[in-house]
Amino acid sequence: MLLWTAVLLFVPCVGKTVWLYLQAWPNPVFEGDALTLRCQGLKNTPLSQVKFYRDGKFLHFSKKNQTLSMGAATVQSRGQYSCSGQVMYIPQTFTQTSETAMVQVQELFPPPVLSAIPSPEPREGSLVTLRCQTKLHPLRSALRLLFSFHKDGHTLQDRGPHPELCIPGAKEGDSGLYWCEVAPEGGQVQKQSPQLEVRVQAPVSRPVLTLHHGPADPAVGDMVQLLCEAQRGSPPILYSFYLDEKIVGNHSAPCGGTTSLLFPVKSEQDAGNYSCEAENSVSRERSEPKKLSLKGSQVLSTPASNWLVPWLPASLLGLMVIAAALLIYLRSWRKAGPLPSQIPPTAPGGEQCPLYANVHHQKGKDEGVVYSVVHRTSKRSEGQFYHLCGGEMPAAQ
């Protein structure tokens, strides 16, 4: 009777006693460390039916093993851990649960950041330095970090102690997406930097201008298309079109390639020497001029007209003499009718063309003149821009 009374008096005390402890080591825990949990009874009391929990959720069960290996710790291994088990106290067995233990996994080093020096958009031929930067935790500063560099899915430099990679004499082919990876020597942790886009800026080549119109010289009302292309140069490229040094239109080509200018011929002032200019962030180049002549008119380019100016009065005087002689000759042959060779040519509108044309370009504002219809390119996504454009002619909207 006295024995059962002693047992009954002891049972309430059992519920208030902390019989189980959860231990985690090493302490502190860093990324890559082998994390181990141990559920231990008070004074090494034997345990059975051991269960482990993280954040209140069941994690693992073992009939007799009081230790649980969690493998290499990661930041995701953080949490509140606890365990439960059957504690044997003669003559009874009690199921007990430990208090929670907070496990904090320290970051060994932050993800690296890749930078390009002096700029991620260097000029062609310059020296580019790629620098991979990160820093070890002060408690693990004795570790040695290894760096590797990658571009467009290819490894440029295997793991080594140098955090920098030099690209001497950068070329357009060096453009692409770069990143670096960092790992401690002999460790299981490796981290990758965000991708860095490097675009080597190459100067534009001298553009080529091409005139497109009908098989013969165009006339007033016809359409003329100018095509301008720089075979080489980093986009975006700004194309500008000129008529005798006067700009008549421009267009930006985000992907490079060819751009065009389409315009109707409004008057003889649209004839002359056309050229185009290509410009990017590195250089600017002008094409060779192309001469556009119209039907039924003499178009004199600036270089050719310089030597004609002194002879112009004499030419006019000669024309007047010839005209007077023709008039006298025609009167004498009035009854015979006009000679076929003396009928002046007709313009497309039916009007007769003069015997000579004085063509000039208006320097002031051209009122009511539409020089061109510009074809604009549609926007492209970042992936398409570098994988689909590649020197192709931009698509029009």
Protein backbone atom coordinates (compact mmCIF):
# COMPACT_ATOMS: atom_id res chain seq x y z
CA MET A 1 0.00 0.00 0.00
CA LEU A 2 2.82 2.43 0.84
CA LEU A 3 4.64 1.53 -2.42
CA TRP A 4 1.65 2.41 -4.65
CA THR A 5 1.17 5.67 -2.74
CA ALA A 6 4.79 6.64 -3.49
CA VAL A 7 4.33 5.87 -7.19
CA LEU A 8 1.16 7.95 -7.41
CA LEU A 9 2.86 10.89 -5.70
CA PHE A 10 5.77 10.72 -8.16
CA VAL A 11 3.75 10.61 -11.41
CA PRO A 12 2.67 14.28 -11.36
CA CYS A 13 6.26 15.35 -10.93
CA VAL A 14 7.27 13.34 -14.02
CA GLY A 15 5.08 15.53 -16.25
CA LYS A 16 6.81 18.72 -15.05
CA THR A 17 10.36 17.42 -15.46
CA VAL A 18 12.29 18.05 -18.71
CA TRP A 19 13.34 14.55 -19.63
CA LEU A 20 14.46 15.17 -23.27
CA TYR A 21 16.92 17.61 -24.85
CA LEU A 22 17.57 18.26 -28.52
CA GLN A 23 21.14 19.19 -29.47
CA ALA A 24 22.41 20.40 -32.86
CA TRP A 25 26.06 20.62 -33.84
CA PRO A 26 28.35 22.10 -34.88
CA ASN A 27 27.44 25.36 -33.21
CA PRO A 28 27.34 27.78 -34.95
CA VAL A 29 26.32 26.01 -38.15
CA PHE A 30 27.55 27.31 -41.53
CA GLU A 31 26.53 26.40 -45.05
CA GLY A 32 28.17 23.15 -46.06
CA ASP A 33 28.69 21.88 -42.50
CA ALA A 34 27.49 18.37 -41.68
CA LEU A 35 24.45 19.11 -39.50
CA THR A 36 23.63 16.47 -36.85
CA LEU A 37 20.67 16.32 -34.43
CA ARG A 38 20.70 14.30 -31.21
CA CYS A 39 17.74 13.55 -28.95
CA GLN A 40 19.11 12.86 -25.47
CA GLY A 41 17.38 11.77 -22.27
CA LEU A 42 18.01 13.28 -18.85
CA LYS A 43 21.07 11.62 -17.28
CA ASN A 44 21.34 9.39 -20.39
CA THR A 45 18.00 7.79 -19.72
CA PRO A 46 17.34 5.08 -22.37
CA LEU A 47 15.04 6.18 -25.20
CA SER A 48 12.98 4.35 -27.80
CA GLN A 49 10.51 5.25 -30.54
CA VAL A 50 12.34 8.50 -31.26
CA LYS A 51 10.71 11.05 -33.59
CA PHE A 52 12.22 14.28 -34.95
CA TYR A 53 10.25 17.37 -35.97
CA ARG A 54 11.01 20.62 -37.79
CA ASP A 55 8.67 23.58 -37.43
CA GLY A 56 6.10 21.23 -35.89
CA LYS A 57 6.12 18.82 -38.85
CA PHE A 58 7.23 15.20 -38.63
CA LEU A 59 10.74 14.72 -40.01
CA HIS A 60 12.12 11.26 -39.09
CA PHE A 61 11.40 8.16 -36.96
CA SER A 62 13.80 5.64 -35.38
CA LYS A 63 13.08 2.85 -32.92
CA LYS A 64 16.36 3.12 -31.05
CA ASN A 65 18.72 5.57 -32.79
CA GLN A 66 18.82 8.90 -30.99
CA THR A 67 20.96 10.65 -33.65
CA LEU A 68 19.84 12.04 -37.01
CA SER A 69 22.27 13.16 -39.73
CA MET A 70 20.90 16.06 -41.81
CA GLY A 71 23.72 16.10 -44.38
CA ALA A 72 25.30 19.32 -45.60
CA ALA A 73 23.53 22.31 -44.10
CA THR A 74 21.98 24.93 -46.34
CA VAL A 75 20.12 28.16 -45.66
CA GLN A 76 16.90 26.15 -46.09
CA SER A 77 17.98 23.96 -43.12
CA ARG A 78 17.06 26.77 -40.73
CA GLY A 79 14.13 26.07 -38.41
CA GLN A 80 12.81 25.06 -35.00
CA TYR A 81 13.61 21.44 -34.21
CA SER A 82 12.25 19.13 -31.50
CA CYS A 83 12.09 15.43 -30.69
CA SER A 84 9.92 12.99 -28.77
CA GLY A 85 10.47 9.50 -27.42
CA GLN A 86 9.55 6.94 -24.81
CA VAL A 87 11.47 7.40 -21.56
CA MET A 88 11.83 4.28 -19.48
CA TYR A 89 11.47 4.82 -15.76
CA ILE A 90 11.03 1.62 -13.83
CA PRO A 91 8.45 0.33 -13.51
CA GLN A 92 6.76 2.60 -16.17
CA THR A 93 7.49 4.10 -19.61
CA PHE A 94 6.50 7.68 -20.42
CA THR A 95 6.29 9.46 -23.84
CA GLN A 96 8.04 12.81 -23.58
CA THR A 97 8.66 15.73 -25.97
CA SER A 98 11.65 18.03 -25.87
CA GLU A 99 11.60 21.78 -25.99
CA THR A 100 12.21 23.34 -29.40
CA ALA A 101 15.73 24.33 -30.39
CA MET A 102 16.30 27.03 -32.99
CA VAL A 103 18.91 26.10 -35.61
CA GLN A 104 20.43 29.07 -37.42
CA VAL A 105 22.51 28.27 -40.52
CA GLN A 106 25.00 31.05 -41.16
CA GLU A 107 25.76 32.13 -44.74
CA LEU A 108 29.35 31.20 -45.57
CA PHE A 109 29.58 33.95 -48.21
CA PRO A 110 26.97 35.95 -50.17
CA PRO A 111 26.33 35.19 -53.87
CA PRO A 112 29.09 36.76 -55.98
CA VAL A 113 28.63 39.80 -58.18
CA LEU A 114 30.34 40.01 -61.57
CA SER A 115 31.38 43.40 -62.92
CA ALA A 116 33.17 44.56 -66.07
CA ILE A 117 35.89 47.19 -65.86
CA PRO A 118 35.91 49.87 -67.23
CA SER A 119 32.41 49.21 -68.62
CA PRO A 120 30.14 46.37 -69.77
CA GLU A 121 30.00 48.20 -73.12
CA PRO A 122 33.69 48.63 -73.97
CA ARG A 123 35.03 49.89 -77.28
CA GLU A 124 36.50 47.36 -79.64
CA GLY A 125 40.20 46.80 -79.01
CA SER A 126 40.16 47.91 -75.37
CA LEU A 127 41.13 45.86 -72.33
CA VAL A 128 38.21 44.45 -70.33
CA THR A 129 38.58 43.03 -66.83
CA LEU A 130 35.88 40.79 -65.35
CA ARG A 131 35.86 40.88 -61.56
CA CYS A 132 34.03 38.34 -59.38
CA GLN A 133 33.42 39.73 -55.89
CA THR A 134 32.21 38.13 -52.64
CA LYS A 135 33.41 37.91 -49.02
CA LEU A 136 33.78 35.09 -46.50
CA HIS A 137 32.12 35.23 -43.07
CA PRO A 138 34.59 36.60 -40.49
CA LEU A 139 34.43 33.32 -38.48
CA ARG A 140 35.48 31.36 -41.59
CA SER A 141 37.91 33.86 -43.11
CA ALA A 142 40.69 31.24 -43.11
CA LEU A 143 38.99 29.32 -45.90
CA ARG A 144 40.23 29.66 -49.49
CA LEU A 145 37.75 30.55 -52.23
CA LEU A 146 38.04 29.35 -55.82
CA PHE A 147 36.63 31.24 -58.83
CA SER A 148 35.53 30.12 -62.29
CA PHE A 149 34.29 32.20 -65.25
CA HIS A 150 31.70 31.27 -67.88
CA LYS A 151 30.20 32.76 -71.07
CA ASP A 152 27.14 31.64 -73.03
CA GLY A 153 27.26 28.14 -71.50
CA HIS A 154 31.02 27.67 -71.96
CA THR A 155 33.73 27.66 -69.31
CA LEU A 156 36.38 30.32 -69.89
CA GLN A 157 38.44 29.63 -66.76
CA ASP A 158 38.23 26.64 -64.43
CA ARG A 159 38.28 27.03 -60.67
CA GLY A 160 41.27 28.94 -59.46
CA PRO A 161 42.30 31.43 -56.78
CA HIS A 162 42.13 34.49 -59.08
CA PRO A 163 38.90 36.53 -58.86
CA GLU A 164 39.59 38.40 -62.13
CA LEU A 165 39.65 37.48 -65.81
CA CYS A 166 41.26 39.74 -68.42
CA ILE A 167 40.10 40.07 -72.02
CA PRO A 168 42.79 41.93 -73.98
CA GLY A 169 41.80 43.60 -77.23
CA ALA A 170 38.06 42.97 -76.95
CA LYS A 171 36.24 42.11 -80.17
CA GLU A 172 32.60 41.89 -81.20
CA GLY A 173 32.81 38.12 -80.74
CA ASP A 174 33.50 38.70 -77.04
CA SER A 175 30.00 40.10 -76.58
CA GLY A 176 27.67 37.81 -74.66
CA LEU A 177 26.35 36.78 -71.24
CA TYR A 178 28.99 36.19 -68.57
CA TRP A 179 28.79 34.86 -65.03
CA CYS A 180 31.13 33.48 -62.37
CA GLU A 181 30.94 30.74 -59.76
CA VAL A 182 32.57 30.68 -56.32
CA ALA A 183 33.22 27.66 -54.09
CA PRO A 184 35.40 27.09 -51.00
CA GLU A 185 38.33 24.78 -51.51
CA GLY A 186 37.26 21.25 -50.57
CA GLY A 187 33.74 22.43 -49.70
CA GLN A 188 30.32 21.53 -51.06
CA VAL A 189 28.92 25.06 -51.32
CA GLN A 190 29.02 26.82 -54.68
CA LYS A 191 27.25 30.00 -55.68
CA GLN A 192 26.71 31.63 -59.05
CA SER A 193 26.56 35.33 -59.85
CA PRO A 194 23.75 36.92 -61.87
CA GLN A 195 24.50 37.06 -65.59
CA LEU A 196 26.24 40.14 -66.92
CA GLU A 197 25.75 41.20 -70.53
CA VAL A 198 28.90 42.51 -72.18
CA ARG A 199 28.46 44.30 -75.53
CA VAL A 200 31.67 45.25 -77.30
CA GLN A 201 31.05 48.42 -79.31
CA ALA A 202 32.50 48.22 -82.83
CA PRO A 203 32.70 51.27 -85.12
CA VAL A 204 30.40 51.39 -88.13
CA SER A 205 31.81 50.70 -91.57
CA ARG A 206 31.26 53.07 -94.46
CA PRO A 207 27.64 52.58 -95.51
CA VAL A 208 26.55 51.75 -99.04
CA LEU A 209 23.66 53.71 -100.59
CA THR A 210 21.48 52.14 -103.28
CA LEU A 211 18.79 53.93 -105.31
CA HIS A 212 15.72 51.96 -106.37
CA HIS A 213 13.23 53.22 -108.97
CA GLY A 214 11.88 52.13 -112.33
CA PRO A 215 14.03 50.95 -115.26
CA ALA A 216 14.36 54.54 -116.48
CA ASP A 217 14.94 57.81 -114.70
CA PRO A 218 11.93 58.65 -112.50
CA ALA A 219 9.53 61.46 -113.26
CA VAL A 220 7.41 63.65 -111.05
CA GLY A 221 4.92 61.42 -109.23
CA ASP A 222 7.12 58.32 -109.25
CA MET A 223 8.33 56.64 -106.04
CA VAL A 224 12.02 56.39 -105.17
CA GLN A 225 13.49 54.18 -102.48
CA LEU A 226 16.87 54.72 -100.86
CA LEU A 227 18.55 51.75 -99.15
CA CYS A 228 21.41 52.38 -96.75
CA GLU A 229 23.45 49.60 -95.13
CA ALA A 230 26.53 49.53 -92.92
CA GLN A 231 28.01 46.04 -93.19
CA ARG A 232 29.65 46.31 -89.78
CA GLY A 233 29.02 48.18 -86.56
CA SER A 234 27.44 47.68 -83.16
CA PRO A 235 23.73 48.46 -82.98
CA PRO A 236 21.76 50.55 -82.53
CA ILE A 237 22.72 52.46 -85.67
CA LEU A 238 21.22 55.81 -86.61
CA TYR A 239 20.86 56.23 -90.37
CA SER A 240 20.47 59.74 -91.86
CA PHE A 241 19.70 60.54 -95.50
CA TYR A 242 20.94 63.67 -97.24
CA LEU A 243 20.15 65.52 -100.45
CA ASP A 244 23.06 67.81 -101.31
CA GLU A 245 24.04 68.11 -97.61
CA LYS A 246 20.44 68.75 -96.52
CA ILE A 247 18.97 66.08 -94.29
CA VAL A 248 15.74 64.62 -95.63
CA GLY A 249 15.09 61.82 -93.13
CA ASN A 250 16.59 59.59 -90.48
CA HIS A 251 15.83 56.28 -88.87
CA SER A 252 17.24 54.27 -85.96
CA ALA A 253 17.95 50.58 -86.57
CA PRO A 254 18.02 48.81 -83.17
CA CYS A 255 19.48 45.68 -84.72
CA GLY A 256 21.66 47.23 -87.39
CA GLY A 257 21.37 45.92 -90.93
CA THR A 258 19.64 47.84 -93.72
CA THR A 259 17.18 50.69 -93.46
CA SER A 260 15.23 52.43 -96.20
CA LEU A 261 13.70 55.77 -97.10
CA LEU A 262 10.74 55.87 -99.50
CA PHE A 263 9.48 59.10 -100.98
CA PRO A 264 7.50 60.40 -103.99
CA VAL A 265 9.16 62.74 -106.48
CA LYS A 266 7.32 66.05 -106.03
CA SER A 267 9.36 68.34 -108.24
CA GLU A 268 12.70 68.77 -109.92
CA GLN A 269 14.06 69.87 -106.55
CA ASP A 270 14.04 66.22 -105.51
CA ALA A 271 16.79 65.50 -108.00
CA GLY A 272 20.42 65.76 -107.00
CA ASN A 273 23.17 63.98 -105.10
CA TYR A 274 21.91 61.69 -102.33
CA SER A 275 24.03 60.17 -99.57
CA CYS A 276 23.47 58.45 -96.26
CA GLU A 277 25.27 58.45 -92.94
CA ALA A 278 25.59 55.67 -90.33
CA GLU A 279 26.30 56.55 -86.72
CA ASN A 280 26.60 54.54 -83.49
CA SER A 281 28.14 55.19 -80.08
CA VAL A 282 31.66 54.73 -81.47
CA SER A 283 31.91 56.36 -84.90
CA ARG A 284 30.14 58.02 -87.83
CA GLU A 285 30.62 57.30 -91.56
CA ARG A 286 29.16 58.81 -94.77
CA SER A 287 28.46 56.90 -97.99
CA GLU A 288 29.53 57.77 -101.49
CA PRO A 289 26.93 60.11 -103.09
CA LYS A 290 24.49 58.76 -105.65
CA LYS A 291 23.03 61.02 -108.34
CA LEU A 292 19.27 60.99 -108.95
CA SER A 293 18.20 62.39 -112.33
CA LEU A 294 14.65 63.04 -113.52
CA LYS A 295 13.13 62.51 -116.96
CA GLY A 296 13.32 65.46 -119.30
CA SER A 297 15.67 67.59 -117.22
CA GLN A 298 19.37 68.12 -116.86
CA VAL A 299 20.43 67.76 -113.25
CA LEU A 300 23.80 69.28 -112.57
CA SER A 301 25.60 68.13 -109.47
CA THR A 302 27.60 70.70 -107.54
CA PRO A 303 31.08 69.53 -108.60
CA ALA A 304 30.06 69.39 -112.29
CA SER A 305 28.37 72.81 -112.28
CA ASN A 306 31.44 74.73 -111.08
CA TRP A 307 33.17 74.64 -114.50
CA LEU A 308 29.93 75.43 -116.34
CA VAL A 309 29.20 78.70 -114.53
CA PRO A 310 31.76 80.85 -116.47
CA TRP A 311 30.37 79.51 -119.79
CA LEU A 312 26.72 79.98 -118.91
CA PRO A 313 26.30 83.55 -120.38
CA ALA A 314 28.01 82.52 -123.63
CA SER A 315 25.79 79.42 -123.81
CA LEU A 316 22.67 81.50 -123.36
CA LEU A 317 23.80 83.92 -126.07
CA GLY A 318 24.47 81.02 -128.43
CA LEU A 319 21.04 79.57 -127.74
CA MET A 320 19.39 82.91 -128.51
CA VAL A 321 21.22 83.14 -131.85
CA ILE A 322 20.21 79.59 -132.75
CA ALA A 323 16.60 80.31 -131.76
CA ALA A 324 16.52 83.43 -133.99
CA ALA A 325 17.97 81.50 -136.93
CA LEU A 326 15.42 78.73 -136.45
CA LEU A 327 12.60 81.27 -136.36
CA ILE A 328 13.67 82.79 -139.69
CA TYR A 329 14.10 79.32 -141.17
CA LEU A 330 10.65 78.19 -140.00
CA ARG A 331 8.94 81.25 -141.51
CA SER A 332 10.46 80.46 -144.89
CA TRP A 333 9.08 76.90 -144.66
CA ARG A 334 5.73 77.84 -143.10
CA LYS A 335 3.69 76.01 -145.72
CA ALA A 336 5.71 72.80 -145.39
CA GLY A 337 4.91 72.40 -141.67
CA PRO A 338 7.28 71.95 -138.74
CA LEU A 339 10.17 69.58 -138.94
CA PRO A 340 9.95 66.57 -136.65
CA SER A 341 13.29 67.34 -135.02
CA GLN A 342 12.04 70.79 -134.04
CA ILE A 343 9.11 69.56 -131.91
CA PRO A 344 10.12 69.93 -128.25
CA PRO A 345 9.73 66.88 -126.01
CA THR A 346 6.67 66.68 -123.81
CA ALA A 347 6.59 66.20 -120.06
CA PRO A 348 4.43 63.50 -118.39
CA GLY A 349 1.72 66.11 -117.75
CA GLY A 350 1.54 67.02 -121.43
CA GLU A 351 3.37 70.34 -121.04
CA GLN A 352 6.29 71.11 -123.31
CA CYS A 353 9.73 71.11 -121.76
CA PRO A 354 11.93 74.17 -122.24
CA LEU A 355 15.00 73.98 -124.41
CA TYR A 356 17.14 74.12 -121.25
CA ALA A 357 16.42 73.67 -117.58
CA ASN A 358 17.77 75.72 -114.70
CA VAL A 359 17.61 73.23 -111.83
CA HIS A 360 18.24 74.40 -108.26
CA HIS A 361 17.41 73.32 -104.73
CA GLN A 362 15.38 75.46 -102.41
CA LYS A 363 17.38 76.28 -99.32
CA GLY A 364 14.43 77.42 -97.27
CA LYS A 365 11.63 75.37 -95.77
CA ASP A 366 9.95 73.02 -98.25
CA GLU A 367 6.25 73.61 -97.81
CA GLY A 368 3.91 70.76 -98.57
CA VAL A 369 6.73 68.38 -99.55
CA VAL A 370 6.71 64.84 -98.16
CA TYR A 371 10.17 63.44 -98.59
CA SER A 372 9.78 59.94 -97.31
CA VAL A 373 7.79 57.23 -95.68
CA VAL A 374 10.01 55.67 -93.04
CA HIS A 375 9.71 51.97 -92.27
CA ARG A 376 10.11 51.49 -88.52
CA THR A 377 11.20 48.27 -86.87
CA SER A 378 9.05 46.49 -84.31
CA LYS A 379 10.36 45.93 -80.78
CA ARG A 380 11.97 42.64 -79.99
CA SER A 381 12.40 40.81 -76.64
CA GLU A 382 15.92 40.58 -75.05
CA GLY A 383 16.41 37.00 -76.09
CA GLN A 384 15.26 37.61 -79.73
CA PHE A 385 17.36 40.72 -80.05
CA TYR A 386 20.63 38.78 -79.71
CA HIS A 387 19.60 35.45 -81.20
CA LEU A 388 17.36 36.45 -84.09
CA CYS A 389 18.54 39.86 -85.26
CA GLY A 390 22.27 39.34 -85.97
CA GLY A 391 22.66 41.66 -88.91
CA GLU A 392 19.27 40.79 -90.40
CA MET A 393 17.24 43.57 -91.97
CA PRO A 394 14.79 44.90 -89.37
CA ALA A 395 11.16 44.08 -89.95
CA ALA A 396 8.76 46.90 -90.71
CA GLN A 397 5.68 47.56 -88.65
